[in-house]
Amino acid sequence: MDNKKRAAAMAGVYAHIKTGEEAYARHMAEQAENVDSEGSVVTVLPGPAPNIWGMTGRQSLMQANTMMQLRMFR
C-alpha cells in the first residue's frame, strides 16, 4: 500500500474516533448540566440521538459514487 494511501486511511480512522469521543464528551457535559442543587438528575427528554454510524455510511457511499462519476477508478 502506498504511504499516502496509508496516511489517508489512518487520518480517516483517527478523525472518526475523535468525532465519536467528542460526541460522547458533549453528551456527558449535557448530563452534568441537568443535575440540580440537591444532586438529583433532572430528566430532559431530548430528540432522537443522531445515528453516527448511519451518517458515516451514507457519506462514504456518496463519496464512492462521486469518485465513480469522476472516473477516478480505472
N, C-alpha and C. Protein backbone atom coordinates (compact mmCIF):
# COMPACT_ATOMS: atom_id res chain seq x y z
N MET A 1 0.84 -1.17 0.00
CA MET A 1 0.00 0.00 0.00
C MET A 1 0.89 1.24 0.00
N ASP A 2 0.52 2.20 -0.78
CA ASP A 2 1.28 3.44 -0.89
C ASP A 2 1.23 4.20 0.43
N ASN A 3 2.31 4.89 0.76
CA ASN A 3 2.37 5.63 2.03
C ASN A 3 1.31 6.71 2.12
N LYS A 4 0.99 7.37 1.01
CA LYS A 4 -0.04 8.41 1.02
C LYS A 4 -1.41 7.81 1.32
N LYS A 5 -1.68 6.64 0.73
CA LYS A 5 -2.96 5.99 0.97
C LYS A 5 -3.06 5.52 2.41
N ARG A 6 -1.96 4.99 2.93
CA ARG A 6 -1.95 4.53 4.31
C ARG A 6 -2.17 5.70 5.26
N ALA A 7 -1.51 6.82 4.99
CA ALA A 7 -1.67 8.01 5.83
C ALA A 7 -3.10 8.53 5.77
N ALA A 8 -3.69 8.51 4.57
CA ALA A 8 -5.07 8.98 4.43
C ALA A 8 -6.03 8.07 5.18
N ALA A 9 -5.81 6.76 5.11
CA ALA A 9 -6.68 5.82 5.83
C ALA A 9 -6.55 6.01 7.33
N MET A 10 -5.33 6.18 7.81
CA MET A 10 -5.13 6.38 9.24
C MET A 10 -5.74 7.69 9.70
N ALA A 11 -5.63 8.74 8.90
CA ALA A 11 -6.23 10.02 9.26
C ALA A 11 -7.75 9.91 9.31
N GLY A 12 -8.33 9.15 8.39
CA GLY A 12 -9.78 8.96 8.40
C GLY A 12 -10.24 8.22 9.64
N VAL A 13 -9.54 7.17 10.02
CA VAL A 13 -9.89 6.42 11.23
C VAL A 13 -9.73 7.29 12.47
N TYR A 14 -8.65 8.05 12.52
CA TYR A 14 -8.42 8.93 13.66
C TYR A 14 -9.53 9.98 13.76
N ALA A 15 -9.93 10.55 12.63
CA ALA A 15 -10.99 11.57 12.64
C ALA A 15 -12.31 10.96 13.09
N HIS A 16 -12.57 9.73 12.68
CA HIS A 16 -13.81 9.06 13.08
C HIS A 16 -13.83 8.81 14.58
N ILE A 17 -12.73 8.32 15.11
CA ILE A 17 -12.66 8.06 16.55
C ILE A 17 -12.77 9.36 17.34
N LYS A 18 -12.09 10.40 16.87
CA LYS A 18 -12.12 11.69 17.55
C LYS A 18 -13.53 12.26 17.57
N THR A 19 -14.26 12.14 16.46
CA THR A 19 -15.63 12.63 16.39
C THR A 19 -16.52 11.91 17.39
N GLY A 20 -16.35 10.60 17.50
CA GLY A 20 -17.13 9.82 18.47
C GLY A 20 -16.83 10.22 19.89
N GLU A 21 -15.54 10.43 20.19
CA GLU A 21 -15.17 10.85 21.54
C GLU A 21 -15.72 12.23 21.88
N GLU A 22 -15.71 13.15 20.90
CA GLU A 22 -16.25 14.48 21.14
C GLU A 22 -17.75 14.43 21.38
N ALA A 23 -18.44 13.59 20.63
CA ALA A 23 -19.88 13.45 20.82
C ALA A 23 -20.18 12.89 22.21
N TYR A 24 -19.40 11.92 22.65
CA TYR A 24 -19.59 11.33 23.98
C TYR A 24 -19.32 12.37 25.06
N ALA A 25 -18.25 13.15 24.90
CA ALA A 25 -17.92 14.18 25.89
C ALA A 25 -19.02 15.24 25.97
N ARG A 26 -19.55 15.62 24.81
CA ARG A 26 -20.62 16.61 24.79
C ARG A 26 -21.87 16.06 25.49
N HIS A 27 -22.16 14.78 25.25
CA HIS A 27 -23.31 14.15 25.89
C HIS A 27 -23.14 14.12 27.41
N MET A 28 -21.94 13.77 27.87
CA MET A 28 -21.69 13.72 29.31
C MET A 28 -21.77 15.13 29.92
N ALA A 29 -21.32 16.14 29.20
CA ALA A 29 -21.39 17.51 29.71
C ALA A 29 -22.85 17.96 29.82
N GLU A 30 -23.66 17.57 28.85
CA GLU A 30 -25.09 17.93 28.92
C GLU A 30 -25.76 17.24 30.08
N GLN A 31 -25.38 16.00 30.37
CA GLN A 31 -25.96 15.29 31.51
C GLN A 31 -25.54 15.95 32.81
N ALA A 32 -24.29 16.43 32.88
CA ALA A 32 -23.81 17.08 34.09
C ALA A 32 -24.55 18.38 34.34
N GLU A 33 -24.97 19.06 33.28
CA GLU A 33 -25.73 20.31 33.43
C GLU A 33 -27.14 20.06 33.93
N ASN A 34 -27.64 18.84 33.76
CA ASN A 34 -29.01 18.53 34.14
C ASN A 34 -29.13 18.06 35.59
N VAL A 35 -28.12 18.27 36.41
CA VAL A 35 -28.16 17.91 37.82
C VAL A 35 -28.50 19.17 38.61
N ASP A 36 -29.55 19.09 39.44
CA ASP A 36 -29.94 20.27 40.21
C ASP A 36 -29.10 20.39 41.48
N SER A 37 -29.40 21.38 42.33
CA SER A 37 -28.57 21.68 43.51
C SER A 37 -28.59 20.56 44.54
N GLU A 38 -29.62 19.72 44.56
CA GLU A 38 -29.69 18.63 45.54
C GLU A 38 -28.96 17.38 45.06
N GLY A 39 -28.50 17.39 43.83
CA GLY A 39 -27.75 16.24 43.33
C GLY A 39 -28.59 15.25 42.56
N SER A 40 -29.89 15.50 42.46
CA SER A 40 -30.72 14.57 41.69
C SER A 40 -30.74 15.00 40.23
N VAL A 41 -30.87 14.03 39.38
CA VAL A 41 -30.81 14.29 37.94
C VAL A 41 -32.16 14.79 37.46
N VAL A 42 -32.14 15.87 36.73
CA VAL A 42 -33.34 16.42 36.12
C VAL A 42 -33.46 15.78 34.75
N THR A 43 -34.57 15.10 34.52
CA THR A 43 -34.72 14.41 33.23
C THR A 43 -35.25 15.37 32.18
N VAL A 44 -34.52 15.44 31.12
CA VAL A 44 -34.91 16.24 29.97
C VAL A 44 -34.96 15.29 28.79
N LEU A 45 -36.08 15.23 28.14
CA LEU A 45 -36.22 14.31 27.02
C LEU A 45 -35.75 14.99 25.74
N PRO A 46 -34.57 14.62 25.27
CA PRO A 46 -34.07 15.22 24.03
C PRO A 46 -34.72 14.55 22.83
N GLY A 47 -34.44 15.11 21.67
CA GLY A 47 -34.92 14.49 20.45
C GLY A 47 -34.17 13.19 20.20
N PRO A 48 -34.41 12.56 19.09
CA PRO A 48 -33.72 11.30 18.82
C PRO A 48 -32.22 11.53 18.66
N ALA A 49 -31.46 10.58 19.16
CA ALA A 49 -29.99 10.68 19.07
C ALA A 49 -29.56 10.53 17.62
N PRO A 50 -28.53 11.25 17.22
CA PRO A 50 -28.06 11.10 15.83
C PRO A 50 -27.43 9.73 15.61
N ASN A 51 -27.68 9.18 14.48
CA ASN A 51 -27.13 7.89 14.12
C ASN A 51 -25.79 8.10 13.44
N ILE A 52 -24.71 8.10 14.22
CA ILE A 52 -23.39 8.41 13.69
C ILE A 52 -22.96 7.37 12.66
N TRP A 53 -23.20 6.10 12.95
CA TRP A 53 -22.81 5.05 12.01
C TRP A 53 -23.57 5.19 10.71
N GLY A 54 -24.84 5.52 10.78
CA GLY A 54 -25.62 5.67 9.56
C GLY A 54 -25.16 6.86 8.72
N MET A 55 -24.82 7.95 9.39
CA MET A 55 -24.37 9.13 8.66
C MET A 55 -23.04 8.88 7.97
N THR A 56 -22.10 8.22 8.66
CA THR A 56 -20.80 7.98 8.04
C THR A 56 -20.92 7.00 6.89
N GLY A 57 -21.82 6.02 7.02
CA GLY A 57 -22.02 5.08 5.92
C GLY A 57 -22.58 5.77 4.70
N ARG A 58 -23.53 6.65 4.93
CA ARG A 58 -24.12 7.39 3.80
C ARG A 58 -23.08 8.29 3.15
N GLN A 59 -22.27 8.94 3.95
CA GLN A 59 -21.24 9.81 3.39
C GLN A 59 -20.24 9.02 2.55
N SER A 60 -19.84 7.85 3.02
CA SER A 60 -18.87 7.07 2.25
C SER A 60 -19.48 6.57 0.95
N LEU A 61 -20.76 6.20 0.97
CA LEU A 61 -21.41 5.79 -0.28
C LEU A 61 -21.51 6.95 -1.26
N MET A 62 -21.81 8.13 -0.76
CA MET A 62 -21.90 9.29 -1.64
C MET A 62 -20.52 9.64 -2.23
N GLN A 63 -19.46 9.52 -1.42
CA GLN A 63 -18.12 9.79 -1.92
C GLN A 63 -17.72 8.77 -2.98
N ALA A 64 -18.05 7.50 -2.75
CA ALA A 64 -17.71 6.46 -3.73
C ALA A 64 -18.45 6.72 -5.04
N ASN A 65 -19.71 7.12 -4.94
CA ASN A 65 -20.49 7.42 -6.14
C ASN A 65 -19.87 8.59 -6.91
N THR A 66 -19.44 9.61 -6.18
CA THR A 66 -18.81 10.77 -6.82
C THR A 66 -17.51 10.36 -7.51
N MET A 67 -16.72 9.52 -6.85
CA MET A 67 -15.46 9.08 -7.46
C MET A 67 -15.71 8.27 -8.72
N MET A 68 -16.76 7.44 -8.70
CA MET A 68 -17.08 6.67 -9.91
C MET A 68 -17.54 7.59 -11.03
N GLN A 69 -18.31 8.61 -10.69
CA GLN A 69 -18.77 9.55 -11.71
C GLN A 69 -17.61 10.34 -12.29
N LEU A 70 -16.61 10.64 -11.48
CA LEU A 70 -15.44 11.37 -11.97
C LEU A 70 -14.42 10.44 -12.62
N ARG A 71 -14.74 9.17 -12.69
CA ARG A 71 -13.89 8.14 -13.31
C ARG A 71 -12.51 8.09 -12.67
N MET A 72 -12.49 8.10 -11.36
CA MET A 72 -11.22 8.02 -10.65
C MET A 72 -10.71 6.58 -10.58
N PHE A 73 -11.62 5.61 -10.73
CA PHE A 73 -11.22 4.20 -10.72
C PHE A 73 -11.03 3.76 -12.17
N ARG A 74 -9.88 3.26 -12.48
CA ARG A 74 -9.63 2.78 -13.84
C ARG A 74 -9.09 1.41 -13.82
